[in-house]
Amino acid sequence: MVRAKRPSGDLERSVMRLLQAAGRPLTPREIQPLVGSDLAYTTVLTIVTRLYDKGLVERERAGRAFAYRPVADEPGLAVRRLHQIIDGEPDREIVLSRFLGSLSKRDEHLIRQMLSDLDARPADRPAPPADRPAPPAD
């Protein structure tokens, strides 16, 4: 029987979704049945190790194994990816300019509103980190 090959990165995305939904660190042994019974333990271990090496998850000892948890939620991870892309370019102004020029009118309006909100924020109240929601207003 020939198995269809999974798209590149599909397993990593599946494991990340599971870890984010779990609400607690999970070991590879706990992840294995949740992601698919056809996967070998070593495959799951390879996936979480790659995620750890990429800085997308952190780990802590859980007996003889490690338990893994995401370093950020989905929006926080998207922000990290954007920063990595922009930081890797020699001329970030051109990249940002082209990105802004490619936005839909709706997204452009949304960004303008968000920038306006940032300008109106009191100086003693910094923006929250990208991987955490803003605290409630006082």
C-alpha atoms as a PDB file:
ATOM      1  CA  MET A   1       0.000   0.000   0.000  1.00  0.00           C
ATOM      2  CA  VAL A   2       1.408   3.409  -0.984  1.00  0.00           C
ATOM      3  CA  ARG A   3       0.674   6.316   1.335  1.00  0.00           C
ATOM      4  CA  ALA A   4       0.102   9.784  -0.088  1.00  0.00           C
ATOM      5  CA  LYS A   5       2.880  12.142   0.889  1.00  0.00           C
ATOM      6  CA  ARG A   6       1.848  14.939   3.249  1.00  0.00           C
ATOM      7  CA  PRO A   7       2.459  18.523   2.157  1.00  0.00           C
ATOM      8  CA  SER A   8       5.674  20.050   3.499  1.00  0.00           C
ATOM      9  CA  GLY A   9       5.191  21.495   6.973  1.00  0.00           C
ATOM     10  CA  ASP A  10       1.772  19.869   7.429  1.00  0.00           C
ATOM     11  CA  LEU A  11       2.860  17.774  10.409  1.00  0.00           C
ATOM     12  CA  GLU A  12       4.543  20.719  12.100  1.00  0.00           C
ATOM     13  CA  ARG A  13       1.372  22.798  11.707  1.00  0.00           C
ATOM     14  CA  SER A  14      -0.736  19.944  13.085  1.00  0.00           C
ATOM     15  CA  VAL A  15       1.525  19.526  16.108  1.00  0.00           C
ATOM     16  CA  MET A  16       1.546  23.293  16.739  1.00  0.00           C
ATOM     17  CA  ARG A  17      -2.275  23.381  16.643  1.00  0.00           C
ATOM     18  CA  LEU A  18      -2.426  20.489  19.106  1.00  0.00           C
ATOM     19  CA  LEU A  19       0.039  22.133  21.475  1.00  0.00           C
ATOM     20  CA  GLN A  20      -1.834  25.435  21.357  1.00  0.00           C
ATOM     21  CA  ALA A  21      -5.169  23.746  22.013  1.00  0.00           C
ATOM     22  CA  ALA A  22      -3.810  21.570  24.847  1.00  0.00           C
ATOM     23  CA  GLY A  23      -3.337  24.397  27.316  1.00  0.00           C
ATOM     24  CA  ARG A  24      -0.458  22.515  28.938  1.00  0.00           C
ATOM     25  CA  PRO A  25       2.877  21.056  27.857  1.00  0.00           C
ATOM     26  CA  LEU A  26       2.646  17.699  26.068  1.00  0.00           C
ATOM     27  CA  THR A  27       5.224  14.953  25.647  1.00  0.00           C
ATOM     28  CA  PRO A  28       5.800  13.318  22.244  1.00  0.00           C
ATOM     29  CA  ARG A  29       4.083  10.198  23.629  1.00  0.00           C
ATOM     30  CA  GLU A  30       0.956  12.286  24.380  1.00  0.00           C
ATOM     31  CA  ILE A  31       1.101  14.025  20.996  1.00  0.00           C
ATOM     32  CA  GLN A  32       1.472  10.820  18.951  1.00  0.00           C
ATOM     33  CA  PRO A  33      -2.118   9.491  19.190  1.00  0.00           C
ATOM     34  CA  LEU A  34      -3.571  12.987  18.784  1.00  0.00           C
ATOM     35  CA  VAL A  35      -1.739  13.763  15.540  1.00  0.00           C
ATOM     36  CA  GLY A  36      -2.224  10.380  13.890  1.00  0.00           C
ATOM     37  CA  SER A  37      -1.831   6.782  14.883  1.00  0.00           C
ATOM     38  CA  ASP A  38       0.134   6.013  11.723  1.00  0.00           C
ATOM     39  CA  LEU A  39       3.056   8.170  12.879  1.00  0.00           C
ATOM     40  CA  ALA A  40       5.985   6.572  14.636  1.00  0.00           C
ATOM     41  CA  TYR A  41       7.052   7.980  18.000  1.00  0.00           C
ATOM     42  CA  THR A  42      10.406   8.919  16.471  1.00  0.00           C
ATOM     43  CA  THR A  43       8.630  10.976  13.794  1.00  0.00           C
ATOM     44  CA  VAL A  44       6.741  12.936  16.452  1.00  0.00           C
ATOM     45  CA  LEU A  45       9.979  13.376  18.394  1.00  0.00           C
ATOM     46  CA  THR A  46      11.682  14.717  15.250  1.00  0.00           C
ATOM     47  CA  ILE A  47       8.832  17.178  14.663  1.00  0.00           C
ATOM     48  CA  VAL A  48       8.876  18.636  18.183  1.00  0.00           C
ATOM     49  CA  THR A  49      12.673  18.793  18.137  1.00  0.00           C
ATOM     50  CA  ARG A  50      12.553  20.781  14.887  1.00  0.00           C
ATOM     51  CA  LEU A  51       9.931  23.103  16.362  1.00  0.00           C
ATOM     52  CA  TYR A  52      12.171  23.574  19.403  1.00  0.00           C
ATOM     53  CA  ASP A  53      15.212  24.266  17.214  1.00  0.00           C
ATOM     54  CA  LYS A  54      13.178  26.904  15.325  1.00  0.00           C
ATOM     55  CA  GLY A  55      12.260  28.588  18.606  1.00  0.00           C
ATOM     56  CA  LEU A  56       8.536  27.908  18.170  1.00  0.00           C
ATOM     57  CA  VAL A  57       8.168  25.747  21.282  1.00  0.00           C
ATOM     58  CA  GLU A  58       9.892  25.537  24.616  1.00  0.00           C
ATOM     59  CA  ARG A  59      10.401  22.389  26.598  1.00  0.00           C
ATOM     60  CA  GLU A  60      10.644  21.220  30.164  1.00  0.00           C
ATOM     61  CA  ARG A  61      11.598  17.922  31.722  1.00  0.00           C
ATOM     62  CA  ALA A  62       8.750  15.479  32.260  1.00  0.00           C
ATOM     63  CA  GLY A  63      10.343  12.384  33.740  1.00  0.00           C
ATOM     64  CA  ARG A  64      12.819  11.003  31.202  1.00  0.00           C
ATOM     65  CA  ALA A  65      11.226  12.921  28.310  1.00  0.00           C
ATOM     66  CA  PHE A  66      10.535  16.554  27.512  1.00  0.00           C
ATOM     67  CA  ALA A  67       7.117  18.169  27.421  1.00  0.00           C
ATOM     68  CA  TYR A  68       6.627  20.904  24.830  1.00  0.00           C
ATOM     69  CA  ARG A  69       4.501  24.056  24.733  1.00  0.00           C
ATOM     70  CA  PRO A  70       4.253  26.844  22.144  1.00  0.00           C
ATOM     71  CA  VAL A  71       6.111  30.076  22.866  1.00  0.00           C
ATOM     72  CA  ALA A  72       3.225  32.142  21.455  1.00  0.00           C
ATOM     73  CA  ASP A  73      -0.320  31.882  20.174  1.00  0.00           C
ATOM     74  CA  GLU A  74      -1.096  31.862  16.411  1.00  0.00           C
ATOM     75  CA  PRO A  75      -1.048  35.657  15.982  1.00  0.00           C
ATOM     76  CA  GLY A  76       2.175  35.881  17.986  1.00  0.00           C
ATOM     77  CA  LEU A  77       3.807  33.236  15.797  1.00  0.00           C
ATOM     78  CA  ALA A  78       2.699  35.105  12.655  1.00  0.00           C
ATOM     79  CA  VAL A  79       4.328  38.263  14.019  1.00  0.00           C
ATOM     80  CA  ARG A  80       7.550  36.325  14.678  1.00  0.00           C
ATOM     81  CA  ARG A  81       7.558  35.040  11.076  1.00  0.00           C
ATOM     82  CA  LEU A  82       6.997  38.551   9.707  1.00  0.00           C
ATOM     83  CA  HIS A  83       9.879  39.891  11.793  1.00  0.00           C
ATOM     84  CA  GLN A  84      12.151  37.097  10.578  1.00  0.00           C
ATOM     85  CA  ILE A  85      11.322  37.881   6.958  1.00  0.00           C
ATOM     86  CA  ILE A  86      11.767  41.642   7.325  1.00  0.00           C
ATOM     87  CA  ASP A  87      14.927  41.303   9.425  1.00  0.00           C
ATOM     88  CA  GLY A  88      16.427  38.998   6.794  1.00  0.00           C
ATOM     89  CA  GLU A  89      16.121  41.576   4.013  1.00  0.00           C
ATOM     90  CA  PRO A  90      18.908  44.093   3.341  1.00  0.00           C
ATOM     91  CA  ASP A  91      16.452  46.938   2.596  1.00  0.00           C
ATOM     92  CA  ARG A  92      13.520  46.696   4.974  1.00  0.00           C
ATOM     93  CA  GLU A  93      12.071  50.003   3.725  1.00  0.00           C
ATOM     94  CA  ILE A  94      11.517  48.545   0.246  1.00  0.00           C
ATOM     95  CA  VAL A  95       9.980  45.368   1.680  1.00  0.00           C
ATOM     96  CA  LEU A  96       7.636  47.318   3.951  1.00  0.00           C
ATOM     97  CA  SER A  97       6.744  49.743   1.147  1.00  0.00           C
ATOM     98  CA  ARG A  98       5.848  46.926  -1.237  1.00  0.00           C
ATOM     99  CA  PHE A  99       3.906  45.134   1.461  1.00  0.00           C
ATOM    100  CA  LEU A 100       1.892  48.257   2.268  1.00  0.00           C
ATOM    101  CA  GLY A 101       1.329  48.903  -1.434  1.00  0.00           C
ATOM    102  CA  SER A 102      -0.107  45.417  -1.854  1.00  0.00           C
ATOM    103  CA  LEU A 103      -2.755  45.771   0.871  1.00  0.00           C
ATOM    104  CA  SER A 104      -6.461  45.750   0.150  1.00  0.00           C
ATOM    105  CA  LYS A 105      -8.377  48.954   0.932  1.00  0.00           C
ATOM    106  CA  ARG A 106      -9.874  47.194   3.947  1.00  0.00           C
ATOM    107  CA  ASP A 107      -6.467  46.184   5.354  1.00  0.00           C
ATOM    108  CA  GLU A 108      -5.053  49.632   4.605  1.00  0.00           C
ATOM    109  CA  HIS A 109      -7.907  51.228   6.565  1.00  0.00           C
ATOM    110  CA  LEU A 110      -7.361  48.779   9.422  1.00  0.00           C
ATOM    111  CA  ILE A 111      -3.638  49.582   9.606  1.00  0.00           C
ATOM    112  CA  ARG A 112      -4.314  53.336   9.506  1.00  0.00           C
ATOM    113  CA  GLN A 113      -6.785  52.944  12.386  1.00  0.00           C
ATOM    114  CA  MET A 114      -4.326  50.845  14.388  1.00  0.00           C
ATOM    115  CA  LEU A 115      -1.540  53.401  13.865  1.00  0.00           C
ATOM    116  CA  SER A 116      -3.903  56.154  14.966  1.00  0.00           C
ATOM    117  CA  ASP A 117      -4.745  54.165  18.090  1.00  0.00           C
ATOM    118  CA  LEU A 118      -1.023  53.709  18.815  1.00  0.00           C
ATOM    119  CA  ASP A 119      -0.435  57.449  18.444  1.00  0.00           C
ATOM    120  CA  ALA A 120      -3.264  58.138  20.902  1.00  0.00           C
ATOM    121  CA  ARG A 121      -1.928  55.723  23.515  1.00  0.00           C
ATOM    122  CA  PRO A 122      -0.444  57.390  26.615  1.00  0.00           C
ATOM    123  CA  ALA A 123       3.366  57.344  26.636  1.00  0.00           C
ATOM    124  CA  ASP A 124       3.421  55.540  30.014  1.00  0.00           C
ATOM    125  CA  ARG A 125       1.375  52.638  28.623  1.00  0.00           C
ATOM    126  CA  PRO A 126       3.547  50.679  26.170  1.00  0.00           C
ATOM    127  CA  ALA A 127       2.114  48.300  23.608  1.00  0.00           C
ATOM    128  CA  PRO A 128       1.734  44.691  24.786  1.00  0.00           C
ATOM    129  CA  PRO A 129       4.106  42.090  23.364  1.00  0.00           C
ATOM    130  CA  ALA A 130       2.851  40.657  20.076  1.00  0.00           C
ATOM    131  CA  ASP A 131       2.295  37.214  21.572  1.00  0.00           C
ATOM    132  CA  ARG A 132       0.052  38.451  24.421  1.00  0.00           C
ATOM    133  CA  PRO A 133      -3.310  40.225  24.286  1.00  0.00           C
ATOM    134  CA  ALA A 134      -3.534  43.801  25.528  1.00  0.00           C
ATOM    135  CA  PRO A 135      -4.471  44.174  29.197  1.00  0.00           C
ATOM    136  CA  PRO A 136      -7.938  45.583  29.868  1.00  0.00           C
ATOM    137  CA  ALA A 137      -8.128  49.379  29.968  1.00  0.00           C
ATOM    138  CA  ASP A 138      -8.230  50.916  33.439  1.00  0.00           C
END
